[in-house]
Amino acid sequence: MHSEIKNVATESVHIKSENRLELITGLLIAIFAAVLSIAELGSGKYGKLEILTNNQKNEAYETVQSKSIKQILYESHRDFIKCLISSGTIDSNKKVSIDEYETSLNKDIIHYEKEKIEVLKGSDVVGKKNWVQKQGGELGKVIGAQEWAAKASKLEIACDTFDLAVLFLQVCLVMGAISLVIKQDNLKKIFLFVMLTLGAIGIIYGAYAFTLTHAV
């Protein structure tokens, strides 16, 4: 009789312990699921921003190439005129107007060079005295191709970190679900520990990813 009472008491304690463990596991799953949602939002938001930034970078580099081509054309035209002058092909009485035209070409070449550098490096880098390219009708607003590239690189690292956070948190939830299904206490605790470890790593990666976005 006493043995039966003791067994019933032991079983009751075991059930209470199991219920408590399941309750803790369920709460942790809810918490990690919430963190996973936040990490996925961050990954989606900054992933889109990375795409937009890369597009801006490509457009800026295309503009630099366009300015370079125009500059080369003007330089070739100027050099051709110089050849004509040095060969005596152009009459001396037209030299004044030719010199004026050559001066105009040189000004355009310098202008394109400044535009090219500003679009490449950005208005803040080249300084106010070298502002020649307008953005939205205003000078000094150009974000350079190199600046876009640096921003895109930082966003890529941040998005990769978000992806790692999402991965660890997803696996963490799987471990939690397994822990709820298993009946053996020892295995429950093992899977709970694995869930906590993976969840903690996921939270660390997620927090680090958000710090990286502030540096962009």
Protein backbone atom coordinates (compact mmCIF):
# COMPACT_ATOMS: atom_id res chain seq x y z
CA MET A 1 0.00 0.00 0.00
CA HIS A 2 2.76 2.42 0.97
CA SER A 3 4.67 1.39 -2.15
CA GLU A 4 1.69 2.19 -4.35
CA ILE A 5 1.24 5.58 -2.70
CA LYS A 6 4.93 6.29 -3.21
CA ASN A 7 4.73 5.32 -6.88
CA VAL A 8 1.69 7.54 -7.41
CA ALA A 9 3.48 10.47 -5.73
CA THR A 10 6.60 9.92 -7.85
CA GLU A 11 4.52 9.75 -11.01
CA SER A 12 2.70 12.93 -10.01
CA VAL A 13 6.00 14.76 -9.50
CA HIS A 14 7.24 13.44 -12.85
CA ILE A 15 4.11 14.68 -14.62
CA LYS A 16 4.41 18.10 -12.99
CA SER A 17 8.09 18.29 -13.99
CA GLU A 18 7.22 17.27 -17.57
CA ASN A 19 4.42 19.82 -17.77
CA ARG A 20 6.70 22.55 -16.44
CA LEU A 21 9.36 21.64 -19.02
CA GLU A 22 6.81 21.70 -21.82
CA LEU A 23 5.50 25.06 -20.63
CA ILE A 24 9.01 26.53 -20.62
CA THR A 25 9.69 25.05 -24.07
CA GLY A 26 6.43 26.49 -25.42
CA LEU A 27 7.23 29.96 -24.07
CA LEU A 28 10.73 29.85 -25.53
CA ILE A 29 9.37 28.76 -28.90
CA ALA A 30 6.98 31.75 -28.86
CA ILE A 31 9.84 34.12 -28.00
CA PHE A 32 12.19 32.75 -30.66
CA ALA A 33 9.36 32.81 -33.22
CA ALA A 34 8.86 36.52 -32.50
CA VAL A 35 12.58 37.18 -32.89
CA LEU A 36 12.56 35.18 -36.14
CA SER A 37 9.79 37.42 -37.50
CA ILE A 38 11.84 40.51 -36.69
CA ALA A 39 14.94 39.02 -38.35
CA GLU A 40 12.92 38.14 -41.47
CA LEU A 41 11.53 41.68 -41.63
CA GLY A 42 15.06 43.08 -41.39
CA SER A 43 16.30 40.67 -44.05
CA GLY A 44 13.46 41.61 -46.41
CA LYS A 45 13.75 45.35 -45.86
CA TYR A 46 17.51 45.63 -46.22
CA GLY A 47 17.55 43.05 -49.01
CA LYS A 48 15.36 45.37 -51.09
CA LEU A 49 17.55 48.32 -50.11
CA GLU A 50 20.62 46.38 -51.24
CA ILE A 51 19.04 45.83 -54.68
CA LEU A 52 18.15 49.53 -55.00
CA THR A 53 21.65 50.54 -53.91
CA ASN A 54 23.26 48.22 -56.46
CA ASN A 55 21.03 49.71 -59.15
CA GLN A 56 22.13 53.22 -58.16
CA LYS A 57 25.76 52.09 -58.19
CA ASN A 58 25.41 50.62 -61.70
CA GLU A 59 23.69 53.75 -62.98
CA ALA A 60 26.44 55.93 -61.52
CA TYR A 61 29.19 53.83 -63.13
CA GLU A 62 27.33 53.97 -66.46
CA THR A 63 27.21 57.77 -66.14
CA VAL A 64 30.97 57.83 -65.46
CA GLN A 65 31.55 55.76 -68.61
CA SER A 66 29.33 58.08 -70.61
CA LYS A 67 31.25 61.14 -69.39
CA SER A 68 34.54 59.40 -70.21
CA ILE A 69 33.40 58.65 -73.77
CA LYS A 70 32.32 62.26 -74.33
CA GLN A 71 35.61 63.50 -72.88
CA ILE A 72 37.59 61.21 -75.19
CA LEU A 73 35.60 62.40 -78.22
CA TYR A 74 36.28 66.05 -77.38
CA GLU A 75 39.97 65.31 -76.78
CA SER A 76 40.20 63.52 -80.14
CA HIS A 77 38.51 66.45 -81.85
CA ARG A 78 40.90 68.91 -80.20
CA ASP A 79 43.95 66.83 -81.11
CA PHE A 80 42.73 66.59 -84.73
CA ILE A 81 42.45 70.38 -84.91
CA LYS A 82 45.97 70.72 -83.50
CA CYS A 83 47.23 68.38 -86.20
CA LEU A 84 45.52 70.47 -88.87
CA ILE A 85 47.06 73.65 -87.46
CA SER A 86 50.57 72.18 -87.20
CA SER A 87 50.37 70.78 -90.74
CA GLY A 88 49.39 74.18 -92.13
CA THR A 89 46.13 72.89 -93.56
CA ILE A 90 44.14 75.69 -91.90
CA ASP A 91 44.60 79.23 -93.24
CA SER A 92 46.37 81.61 -90.91
CA ASN A 93 43.53 84.14 -91.17
CA LYS A 94 41.23 81.56 -89.56
CA LYS A 95 43.62 80.80 -86.73
CA VAL A 96 41.91 83.17 -84.27
CA SER A 97 38.54 81.50 -84.62
CA ILE A 98 40.20 78.06 -84.49
CA ASP A 99 42.04 79.02 -81.31
CA GLU A 100 38.77 80.15 -79.76
CA TYR A 101 37.17 76.86 -80.77
CA GLU A 102 40.09 74.92 -79.30
CA THR A 103 39.77 76.88 -76.05
CA SER A 104 36.06 76.04 -75.97
CA LEU A 105 36.90 72.35 -76.47
CA ASN A 106 39.43 72.46 -73.63
CA LYS A 107 36.80 73.98 -71.32
CA ASP A 108 34.37 71.21 -72.23
CA ILE A 109 37.06 68.57 -71.63
CA ILE A 110 37.81 69.99 -68.19
CA HIS A 111 34.09 70.19 -67.43
CA TYR A 112 33.54 66.54 -68.39
CA GLU A 113 36.57 65.52 -66.32
CA LYS A 114 35.13 67.28 -63.27
CA GLU A 115 31.70 65.77 -63.88
CA LYS A 116 33.23 62.33 -64.22
CA ILE A 117 35.18 62.63 -60.96
CA GLU A 118 32.17 64.01 -59.06
CA VAL A 119 29.89 61.21 -60.27
CA LEU A 120 32.60 58.67 -59.42
CA LYS A 121 33.55 59.96 -55.96
CA GLY A 122 30.58 62.08 -54.86
CA SER A 123 30.04 65.77 -54.11
CA ASP A 124 31.16 65.51 -50.49
CA VAL A 125 34.48 63.99 -51.50
CA VAL A 126 35.43 66.38 -54.34
CA GLY A 127 34.55 69.55 -52.39
CA LYS A 128 32.36 72.55 -53.17
CA LYS A 129 34.82 74.17 -55.62
CA ASN A 130 34.56 71.09 -57.87
CA TRP A 131 30.75 70.86 -57.93
CA VAL A 132 29.60 70.84 -61.57
CA GLN A 133 27.08 68.00 -61.76
CA LYS A 134 23.50 68.79 -60.76
CA GLN A 135 21.27 66.30 -58.96
CA GLY A 136 17.58 67.18 -58.80
CA GLY A 137 18.43 70.64 -60.11
CA GLU A 138 20.92 71.32 -57.29
CA LEU A 139 24.68 71.23 -57.01
CA GLY A 140 26.45 69.29 -54.29
CA LYS A 141 23.86 66.51 -54.05
CA VAL A 142 25.63 63.81 -56.06
CA ILE A 143 26.29 60.49 -54.33
CA GLY A 144 29.28 58.95 -56.09
CA ALA A 145 29.49 55.50 -57.65
CA GLN A 146 32.19 54.57 -55.13
CA GLU A 147 29.93 55.69 -52.28
CA TRP A 148 27.07 53.58 -53.64
CA ALA A 149 29.45 50.63 -53.98
CA ALA A 150 30.61 50.97 -50.37
CA LYS A 151 27.01 51.19 -49.16
CA ALA A 152 26.01 48.15 -51.24
CA SER A 153 28.92 46.18 -49.79
CA LYS A 154 27.85 46.98 -46.22
CA LEU A 155 24.24 46.08 -46.98
CA GLU A 156 25.34 42.78 -48.50
CA ILE A 157 27.19 41.86 -45.29
CA ALA A 158 24.18 42.93 -43.20
CA CYS A 159 21.76 40.86 -45.32
CA ASP A 160 24.03 37.82 -45.15
CA THR A 161 24.11 38.21 -41.37
CA PHE A 162 20.31 38.48 -41.26
CA ASP A 163 20.11 35.26 -43.31
CA LEU A 164 22.32 33.49 -40.78
CA ALA A 165 20.12 34.74 -37.95
CA VAL A 166 17.01 33.47 -39.73
CA LEU A 167 18.66 30.09 -40.37
CA PHE A 168 19.68 29.55 -36.74
CA LEU A 169 16.30 30.66 -35.45
CA GLN A 170 14.43 28.38 -37.85
CA VAL A 171 16.50 25.35 -36.80
CA CYS A 172 16.04 26.45 -33.19
CA LEU A 173 12.24 26.25 -33.57
CA VAL A 174 12.54 22.80 -35.11
CA MET A 175 14.54 21.63 -32.10
CA GLY A 176 11.88 23.11 -29.81
CA ALA A 177 9.09 21.32 -31.65
CA ILE A 178 10.98 18.01 -31.35
CA SER A 179 11.47 18.66 -27.64
CA LEU A 180 7.70 19.00 -27.19
CA VAL A 181 7.01 15.72 -28.98
CA ILE A 182 9.60 13.58 -27.20
CA LYS A 183 8.48 11.90 -23.97
CA GLN A 184 11.84 11.06 -22.38
CA ASP A 185 12.95 13.80 -19.98
CA ASN A 186 16.63 13.47 -20.81
CA LEU A 187 16.06 13.85 -24.53
CA LYS A 188 13.64 16.70 -23.89
CA LYS A 189 16.33 18.55 -21.96
CA ILE A 190 18.95 17.87 -24.65
CA PHE A 191 16.75 19.26 -27.43
CA LEU A 192 15.77 22.18 -25.18
CA PHE A 193 19.45 22.97 -24.63
CA VAL A 194 20.13 22.76 -28.37
CA MET A 195 17.16 25.05 -29.01
CA LEU A 196 18.44 27.59 -26.49
CA THR A 197 21.95 27.50 -27.97
CA LEU A 198 20.80 27.91 -31.58
CA GLY A 199 18.28 30.58 -30.56
CA ALA A 200 20.95 32.54 -28.70
CA ILE A 201 23.26 32.38 -31.73
CA GLY A 202 20.40 33.54 -33.96
CA ILE A 203 19.64 36.48 -31.67
CA ILE A 204 23.32 37.48 -31.62
CA TYR A 205 23.50 37.39 -35.43
CA GLY A 206 20.26 39.35 -35.68
CA ALA A 207 21.44 42.04 -33.26
CA TYR A 208 24.77 42.29 -35.08
CA ALA A 209 22.97 42.61 -38.43
CA PHE A 210 20.94 45.57 -37.12
CA THR A 211 24.13 47.26 -35.89
CA LEU A 212 25.61 46.84 -39.39
CA THR A 213 22.61 48.60 -40.95
CA HIS A 214 23.19 51.66 -38.74
CA ALA A 215 26.66 52.01 -40.28
CA VAL A 216 25.18 52.27 -43.78
